[in-house]
């Protein structure tokens, strides 16, 4: 899986761009991969599905994801 980022790394990179996150949340997985490639982020369709599931379950909004990503990378 060389070149593919961990799901949390993808969220960290995307969290500063709410417009991109919103596009990914609505795109089909192949379109989501293409959107991230345009932003120079390698991702799999499974990663896109995880992002979409996280947003779609209603438990986390985009602000919560940003907070989560920030806390995961404070080391």
PDB file of N, CA and C in Angstrom:
ATOM      1  N   UNK A   1       0.825  -1.196   0.000  1.00  0.00           N
ATOM      2  CA  UNK A   1       0.000   0.000   0.000  1.00  0.00           C
ATOM      3  C   UNK A   1       0.860   1.247   0.000  1.00  0.00           C
ATOM      4  N   UNK A   2       1.988   1.170  -0.627  1.00  0.00           N
ATOM      5  CA  UNK A   2       2.864   2.340  -0.703  1.00  0.00           C
ATOM      6  C   UNK A   2       2.139   3.478  -1.391  1.00  0.00           C
ATOM      7  N   UNK A   3       2.271   4.670  -0.833  1.00  0.00           N
ATOM      8  CA  UNK A   3       1.650   5.842  -1.433  1.00  0.00           C
ATOM      9  C   UNK A   3       0.262   6.145  -0.896  1.00  0.00           C
ATOM     10  N   UNK A   4      -0.361   5.179  -0.246  1.00  0.00           N
ATOM     11  CA  UNK A   4      -1.697   5.396   0.304  1.00  0.00           C
ATOM     12  C   UNK A   4      -1.541   5.851   1.758  1.00  0.00           C
ATOM     13  N   UNK A   5      -2.219   6.937   2.096  1.00  0.00           N
ATOM     14  CA  UNK A   5      -2.134   7.493   3.446  1.00  0.00           C
ATOM     15  C   UNK A   5      -3.103   6.789   4.374  1.00  0.00           C
ATOM     16  N   UNK A   6      -2.798   6.847   5.637  1.00  0.00           N
ATOM     17  CA  UNK A   6      -3.708   6.407   6.668  1.00  0.00           C
ATOM     18  C   UNK A   6      -4.917   7.347   6.673  1.00  0.00           C
ATOM     19  N   UNK A   7      -6.066   6.805   7.015  1.00  0.00           N
ATOM     20  CA  UNK A   7      -7.313   7.568   7.051  1.00  0.00           C
ATOM     21  C   UNK A   7      -7.188   8.848   7.880  1.00  0.00           C
ATOM     22  N   UNK A   8      -6.544   8.760   9.034  1.00  0.00           N
ATOM     23  CA  UNK A   8      -6.409   9.938   9.885  1.00  0.00           C
ATOM     24  C   UNK A   8      -5.491  10.983   9.260  1.00  0.00           C
ATOM     25  N   UNK A   9      -4.499  10.542   8.495  1.00  0.00           N
ATOM     26  CA  UNK A   9      -3.631  11.489   7.798  1.00  0.00           C
ATOM     27  C   UNK A   9      -4.409  12.239   6.729  1.00  0.00           C
ATOM     28  N   UNK A  10      -5.304  11.543   6.062  1.00  0.00           N
ATOM     29  CA  UNK A  10      -6.134  12.180   5.031  1.00  0.00           C
ATOM     30  C   UNK A  10      -7.017  13.243   5.671  1.00  0.00           C
ATOM     31  N   UNK A  11      -7.647  12.902   6.785  1.00  0.00           N
ATOM     32  CA  UNK A  11      -8.504  13.879   7.478  1.00  0.00           C
ATOM     33  C   UNK A  11      -7.675  15.084   7.895  1.00  0.00           C
ATOM     34  N   UNK A  12      -6.480  14.841   8.400  1.00  0.00           N
ATOM     35  CA  UNK A  12      -5.622  15.957   8.821  1.00  0.00           C
ATOM     36  C   UNK A  12      -5.335  16.886   7.660  1.00  0.00           C
ATOM     37  N   UNK A  13      -5.030  16.322   6.492  1.00  0.00           N
ATOM     38  CA  UNK A  13      -4.707  17.153   5.328  1.00  0.00           C
ATOM     39  C   UNK A  13      -5.933  17.896   4.804  1.00  0.00           C
ATOM     40  N   UNK A  14      -7.099  17.272   4.873  1.00  0.00           N
ATOM     41  CA  UNK A  14      -8.310  17.855   4.297  1.00  0.00           C
ATOM     42  C   UNK A  14      -9.008  18.806   5.264  1.00  0.00           C
ATOM     43  N   UNK A  15      -8.734  18.700   6.566  1.00  0.00           N
ATOM     44  CA  UNK A  15      -9.514  19.458   7.542  1.00  0.00           C
ATOM     45  C   UNK A  15      -9.401  20.966   7.369  1.00  0.00           C
ATOM     46  N   UNK A  16      -8.351  21.444   6.751  1.00  0.00           N
ATOM     47  CA  UNK A  16      -8.206  22.875   6.523  1.00  0.00           C
ATOM     48  C   UNK A  16      -8.968  23.374   5.308  1.00  0.00           C
ATOM     49  N   UNK A  17      -9.614  22.459   4.601  1.00  0.00           N
ATOM     50  CA  UNK A  17     -10.328  22.819   3.391  1.00  0.00           C
ATOM     51  C   UNK A  17     -11.759  22.274   3.477  1.00  0.00           C
ATOM     52  N   UNK A  18     -12.649  22.994   4.153  1.00  0.00           N
ATOM     53  CA  UNK A  18     -14.015  22.503   4.332  1.00  0.00           C
ATOM     54  C   UNK A  18     -14.768  22.297   3.019  1.00  0.00           C
ATOM     55  N   UNK A  19     -14.447  23.093   1.995  1.00  0.00           N
ATOM     56  CA  UNK A  19     -15.109  22.916   0.704  1.00  0.00           C
ATOM     57  C   UNK A  19     -14.750  21.559   0.098  1.00  0.00           C
ATOM     58  N   UNK A  20     -13.470  21.193   0.173  1.00  0.00           N
ATOM     59  CA  UNK A  20     -13.030  19.892  -0.343  1.00  0.00           C
ATOM     60  C   UNK A  20     -13.664  18.768   0.464  1.00  0.00           C
ATOM     61  N   UNK A  21     -13.712  18.910   1.779  1.00  0.00           N
ATOM     62  CA  UNK A  21     -14.329  17.888   2.618  1.00  0.00           C
ATOM     63  C   UNK A  21     -15.796  17.709   2.260  1.00  0.00           C
ATOM     64  N   UNK A  22     -16.500  18.799   2.013  1.00  0.00           N
ATOM     65  CA  UNK A  22     -17.909  18.719   1.632  1.00  0.00           C
ATOM     66  C   UNK A  22     -18.073  18.019   0.285  1.00  0.00           C
ATOM     67  N   UNK A  23     -17.173  18.302  -0.648  1.00  0.00           N
ATOM     68  CA  UNK A  23     -17.236  17.639  -1.956  1.00  0.00           C
ATOM     69  C   UNK A  23     -16.999  16.138  -1.812  1.00  0.00           C
ATOM     70  N   UNK A  24     -16.041  15.770  -0.985  1.00  0.00           N
ATOM     71  CA  UNK A  24     -15.735  14.356  -0.768  1.00  0.00           C
ATOM     72  C   UNK A  24     -16.913  13.651  -0.114  1.00  0.00           C
ATOM     73  N   UNK A  25     -17.556  14.320   0.835  1.00  0.00           N
ATOM     74  CA  UNK A  25     -18.685  13.726   1.544  1.00  0.00           C
ATOM     75  C   UNK A  25     -19.835  13.391   0.602  1.00  0.00           C
ATOM     76  N   UNK A  26     -19.962  14.133  -0.503  1.00  0.00           N
ATOM     77  CA  UNK A  26     -21.071  13.940  -1.441  1.00  0.00           C
ATOM     78  C   UNK A  26     -20.694  13.121  -2.664  1.00  0.00           C
ATOM     79  N   UNK A  27     -19.415  12.937  -2.925  1.00  0.00           N
ATOM     80  CA  UNK A  27     -18.958  12.264  -4.143  1.00  0.00           C
ATOM     81  C   UNK A  27     -19.045  10.750  -4.012  1.00  0.00           C
ATOM     82  N   UNK A  28     -19.110  10.070  -5.176  1.00  0.00           N
ATOM     83  CA  UNK A  28     -18.967   8.623  -5.083  1.00  0.00           C
ATOM     84  C   UNK A  28     -17.487   8.346  -4.822  1.00  0.00           C
ATOM     85  N   UNK A  29     -17.153   7.162  -4.324  1.00  0.00           N
ATOM     86  CA  UNK A  29     -15.763   6.901  -3.918  1.00  0.00           C
ATOM     87  C   UNK A  29     -14.722   7.158  -5.015  1.00  0.00           C
ATOM     88  N   UNK A  30     -15.013   6.809  -6.252  1.00  0.00           N
ATOM     89  CA  UNK A  30     -14.049   7.055  -7.337  1.00  0.00           C
ATOM     90  C   UNK A  30     -13.847   8.552  -7.539  1.00  0.00           C
ATOM     91  N   UNK A  31     -14.926   9.318  -7.479  1.00  0.00           N
ATOM     92  CA  UNK A  31     -14.810  10.776  -7.613  1.00  0.00           C
ATOM     93  C   UNK A  31     -14.039  11.359  -6.434  1.00  0.00           C
ATOM     94  N   UNK A  32     -14.255  10.809  -5.231  1.00  0.00           N
ATOM     95  CA  UNK A  32     -13.534  11.270  -4.050  1.00  0.00           C
ATOM     96  C   UNK A  32     -12.039  11.049  -4.182  1.00  0.00           C
ATOM     97  N   UNK A  33     -11.649   9.896  -4.708  1.00  0.00           N
ATOM     98  CA  UNK A  33     -10.229   9.612  -4.937  1.00  0.00           C
ATOM     99  C   UNK A  33      -9.655  10.634  -5.913  1.00  0.00           C
ATOM    100  N   UNK A  34     -10.411  10.918  -6.996  1.00  0.00           N
ATOM    101  CA  UNK A  34      -9.955  11.892  -7.994  1.00  0.00           C
ATOM    102  C   UNK A  34      -9.829  13.282  -7.388  1.00  0.00           C
ATOM    103  N   UNK A  35     -10.779  13.677  -6.540  1.00  0.00           N
ATOM    104  CA  UNK A  35     -10.711  14.987  -5.881  1.00  0.00           C
ATOM    105  C   UNK A  35      -9.464  15.097  -5.013  1.00  0.00           C
ATOM    106  N   UNK A  36      -9.168  14.051  -4.268  1.00  0.00           N
ATOM    107  CA  UNK A  36      -7.992  14.085  -3.411  1.00  0.00           C
ATOM    108  C   UNK A  36      -6.705  14.069  -4.222  1.00  0.00           C
ATOM    109  N   UNK A  37      -6.706  13.359  -5.337  1.00  0.00           N
ATOM    110  CA  UNK A  37      -5.505  13.362  -6.192  1.00  0.00           C
ATOM    111  C   UNK A  37      -5.210  14.761  -6.708  1.00  0.00           C
ATOM    112  N   UNK A  38      -6.260  15.512  -7.022  1.00  0.00           N
ATOM    113  CA  UNK A  38      -6.064  16.902  -7.473  1.00  0.00           C
ATOM    114  C   UNK A  38      -5.429  17.742  -6.373  1.00  0.00           C
ATOM    115  N   UNK A  39      -5.653  17.344  -5.126  1.00  0.00           N
ATOM    116  CA  UNK A  39      -5.064  18.041  -3.974  1.00  0.00           C
ATOM    117  C   UNK A  39      -3.748  17.383  -3.544  1.00  0.00           C
ATOM    118  N   UNK A  40      -3.204  16.519  -4.406  1.00  0.00           N
ATOM    119  CA  UNK A  40      -1.949  15.805  -4.135  1.00  0.00           C
ATOM    120  C   UNK A  40      -2.016  14.931  -2.892  1.00  0.00           C
ATOM    121  N   UNK A  41      -3.164  14.284  -2.690  1.00  0.00           N
ATOM    122  CA  UNK A  41      -3.350  13.357  -1.580  1.00  0.00           C
ATOM    123  C   UNK A  41      -3.740  12.003  -2.164  1.00  0.00           C
ATOM    124  N   UNK A  42      -2.927  10.991  -1.888  1.00  0.00           N
ATOM    125  CA  UNK A  42      -3.248   9.637  -2.334  1.00  0.00           C
ATOM    126  C   UNK A  42      -4.208   9.004  -1.346  1.00  0.00           C
ATOM    127  N   UNK A  43      -5.312   8.461  -1.851  1.00  0.00           N
ATOM    128  CA  UNK A  43      -6.298   7.807  -1.007  1.00  0.00           C
ATOM    129  C   UNK A  43      -6.925   6.658  -1.777  1.00  0.00           C
ATOM    130  N   UNK A  44      -7.495   5.751  -1.035  1.00  0.00           N
ATOM    131  CA  UNK A  44      -8.206   4.636  -1.657  1.00  0.00           C
ATOM    132  C   UNK A  44      -9.712   4.909  -1.590  1.00  0.00           C
ATOM    133  N   UNK A  45     -10.465   4.121  -2.343  1.00  0.00           N
ATOM    134  CA  UNK A  45     -11.915   4.253  -2.272  1.00  0.00           C
ATOM    135  C   UNK A  45     -12.414   3.908  -0.872  1.00  0.00           C
ATOM    136  N   UNK A  46     -11.737   2.975  -0.198  1.00  0.00           N
ATOM    137  CA  UNK A  46     -12.109   2.635   1.183  1.00  0.00           C
ATOM    138  C   UNK A  46     -11.944   3.830   2.110  1.00  0.00           C
ATOM    139  N   UNK A  47     -10.872   4.612   1.892  1.00  0.00           N
ATOM    140  CA  UNK A  47     -10.672   5.819   2.704  1.00  0.00           C
ATOM    141  C   UNK A  47     -11.815   6.796   2.499  1.00  0.00           C
ATOM    142  N   UNK A  48     -12.225   6.962   1.256  1.00  0.00           N
ATOM    143  CA  UNK A  48     -13.344   7.870   0.947  1.00  0.00           C
ATOM    144  C   UNK A  48     -14.605   7.385   1.648  1.00  0.00           C
ATOM    145  N   UNK A  49     -14.844   6.086   1.598  1.00  0.00           N
ATOM    146  CA  UNK A  49     -16.026   5.519   2.255  1.00  0.00           C
ATOM    147  C   UNK A  49     -15.986   5.765   3.764  1.00  0.00           C
ATOM    148  N   UNK A  50     -14.803   5.667   4.380  1.00  0.00           N
ATOM    149  CA  UNK A  50     -14.676   5.924   5.816  1.00  0.00           C
ATOM    150  C   UNK A  50     -14.986   7.381   6.137  1.00  0.00           C
ATOM    151  N   UNK A  51     -14.478   8.287   5.310  1.00  0.00           N
ATOM    152  CA  UNK A  51     -14.761   9.714   5.517  1.00  0.00           C
ATOM    153  C   UNK A  51     -16.256   9.961   5.404  1.00  0.00           C
ATOM    154  N   UNK A  52     -16.871   9.398   4.359  1.00  0.00           N
ATOM    155  CA  UNK A  52     -18.299   9.601   4.147  1.00  0.00           C
ATOM    156  C   UNK A  52     -19.121   9.004   5.283  1.00  0.00           C
ATOM    157  N   UNK A  53     -18.745   7.826   5.758  1.00  0.00           N
ATOM    158  CA  UNK A  53     -19.484   7.195   6.850  1.00  0.00           C
ATOM    159  C   UNK A  53     -19.369   8.016   8.121  1.00  0.00           C
ATOM    160  N   UNK A  54     -18.204   8.577   8.369  1.00  0.00           N
ATOM    161  CA  UNK A  54     -17.989   9.384   9.559  1.00  0.00           C
ATOM    162  C   UNK A  54     -18.876  10.622   9.539  1.00  0.00           C
ATOM    163  N   UNK A  55     -18.998  11.250   8.393  1.00  0.00           N
ATOM    164  CA  UNK A  55     -19.830  12.444   8.267  1.00  0.00           C
ATOM    165  C   UNK A  55     -21.310  12.077   8.222  1.00  0.00           C
ATOM    166  N   UNK A  56     -21.653  10.981   7.536  1.00  0.00           N
ATOM    167  CA  UNK A  56     -23.053  10.628   7.308  1.00  0.00           C
ATOM    168  C   UNK A  56     -23.765  10.107   8.552  1.00  0.00           C
ATOM    169  N   UNK A  57     -23.029   9.549   9.512  1.00  0.00           N
ATOM    170  CA  UNK A  57     -23.714   8.970  10.667  1.00  0.00           C
ATOM    171  C   UNK A  57     -24.333  10.019  11.573  1.00  0.00           C
ATOM    172  N   UNK A  58     -24.017  11.290  11.318  1.00  0.00           N
ATOM    173  CA  UNK A  58     -24.621  12.369  12.073  1.00  0.00           C
ATOM    174  C   UNK A  58     -23.987  12.611  13.426  1.00  0.00           C
ATOM    175  N   UNK A  59     -23.067  11.753  13.825  1.00  0.00           N
ATOM    176  CA  UNK A  59     -22.428  11.913  15.128  1.00  0.00           C
ATOM    177  C   UNK A  59     -21.305  12.930  15.075  1.00  0.00           C
ATOM    178  N   UNK A  60     -20.707  13.086  13.928  1.00  0.00           N
ATOM    179  CA  UNK A  60     -19.624  14.052  13.762  1.00  0.00           C
ATOM    180  C   UNK A  60     -19.969  14.986  12.616  1.00  0.00           C
ATOM    181  N   UNK A  61     -19.772  16.265  12.826  1.00  0.00           N
ATOM    182  CA  UNK A  61     -19.871  17.188  11.706  1.00  0.00           C
ATOM    183  C   UNK A  61     -18.448  17.542  11.280  1.00  0.00           C
ATOM    184  N   UNK A  62     -18.319  18.359  10.274  1.00  0.00           N
ATOM    185  CA  UNK A  62     -16.992  18.679   9.762  1.00  0.00           C
ATOM    186  C   UNK A  62     -16.119  19.352  10.818  1.00  0.00           C
ATOM    187  N   UNK A  63     -16.701  20.160  11.687  1.00  0.00           N
ATOM    188  CA  UNK A  63     -15.936  20.790  12.763  1.00  0.00           C
ATOM    189  C   UNK A  63     -15.407  19.760  13.750  1.00  0.00           C
ATOM    190  N   UNK A  64     -16.221  18.750  14.056  1.00  0.00           N
ATOM    191  CA  UNK A  64     -15.778  17.683  14.952  1.00  0.00           C
ATOM    192  C   UNK A  64     -14.626  16.909  14.337  1.00  0.00           C
ATOM    193  N   UNK A  65     -14.697  16.656  13.039  1.00  0.00           N
ATOM    194  CA  UNK A  65     -13.620  15.936  12.359  1.00  0.00           C
ATOM    195  C   UNK A  65     -12.337  16.749  12.421  1.00  0.00           C
ATOM    196  N   UNK A  66     -12.454  18.051  12.238  1.00  0.00           N
ATOM    197  CA  UNK A  66     -11.275  18.911  12.327  1.00  0.00           C
ATOM    198  C   UNK A  66     -10.670  18.829  13.723  1.00  0.00           C
ATOM    199  N   UNK A  67     -11.504  18.874  14.745  1.00  0.00           N
ATOM    200  CA  UNK A  67     -11.018  18.772  16.122  1.00  0.00           C
ATOM    201  C   UNK A  67     -10.377  17.414  16.375  1.00  0.00           C
ATOM    202  N   UNK A  68     -11.012  16.355  15.880  1.00  0.00           N
ATOM    203  CA  UNK A  68     -10.482  15.006  16.035  1.00  0.00           C
ATOM    204  C   UNK A  68      -9.127  14.884  15.370  1.00  0.00           C
ATOM    205  N   UNK A  69      -9.028  15.351  14.144  1.00  0.00           N
ATOM    206  CA  UNK A  69      -7.764  15.264  13.423  1.00  0.00           C
ATOM    207  C   UNK A  69      -6.678  16.048  14.140  1.00  0.00           C
ATOM    208  N   UNK A  70      -7.015  17.204  14.655  1.00  0.00           N
ATOM    209  CA  UNK A  70      -6.034  18.005  15.372  1.00  0.00           C
ATOM    210  C   UNK A  70      -5.539  17.307  16.629  1.00  0.00           C
ATOM    211  N   UNK A  71      -6.442  16.674  17.352  1.00  0.00           N
ATOM    212  CA  UNK A  71      -6.041  15.999  18.588  1.00  0.00           C
ATOM    213  C   UNK A  71      -5.238  14.730  18.304  1.00  0.00           C
ATOM    214  N   UNK A  72      -5.496  14.063  17.204  1.00  0.00           N
ATOM    215  CA  UNK A  72      -4.755  12.851  16.864  1.00  0.00           C
ATOM    216  C   UNK A  72      -3.290  13.136  16.561  1.00  0.00           C
ATOM    217  N   UNK A  73      -3.018  14.323  16.111  1.00  0.00           N
ATOM    218  CA  UNK A  73      -1.662  14.620  15.660  1.00  0.00           C
ATOM    219  C   UNK A  73      -0.895  15.531  16.600  1.00  0.00           C
ATOM    220  N   UNK A  74      -1.418  15.774  17.787  1.00  0.00           N
ATOM    221  CA  UNK A  74      -0.690  16.541  18.798  1.00  0.00           C
ATOM    222  C   UNK A  74       0.212  15.586  19.549  1.00  0.00           C
ATOM    223  N   UNK A  75       1.472  15.581  19.217  1.00  0.00           N
ATOM    224  CA  UNK A  75       2.439  14.675  19.872  1.00  0.00           C
ATOM    225  C   UNK A  75       3.718  15.400  20.109  1.00  0.00           C
TER     226      UNK A  75
END
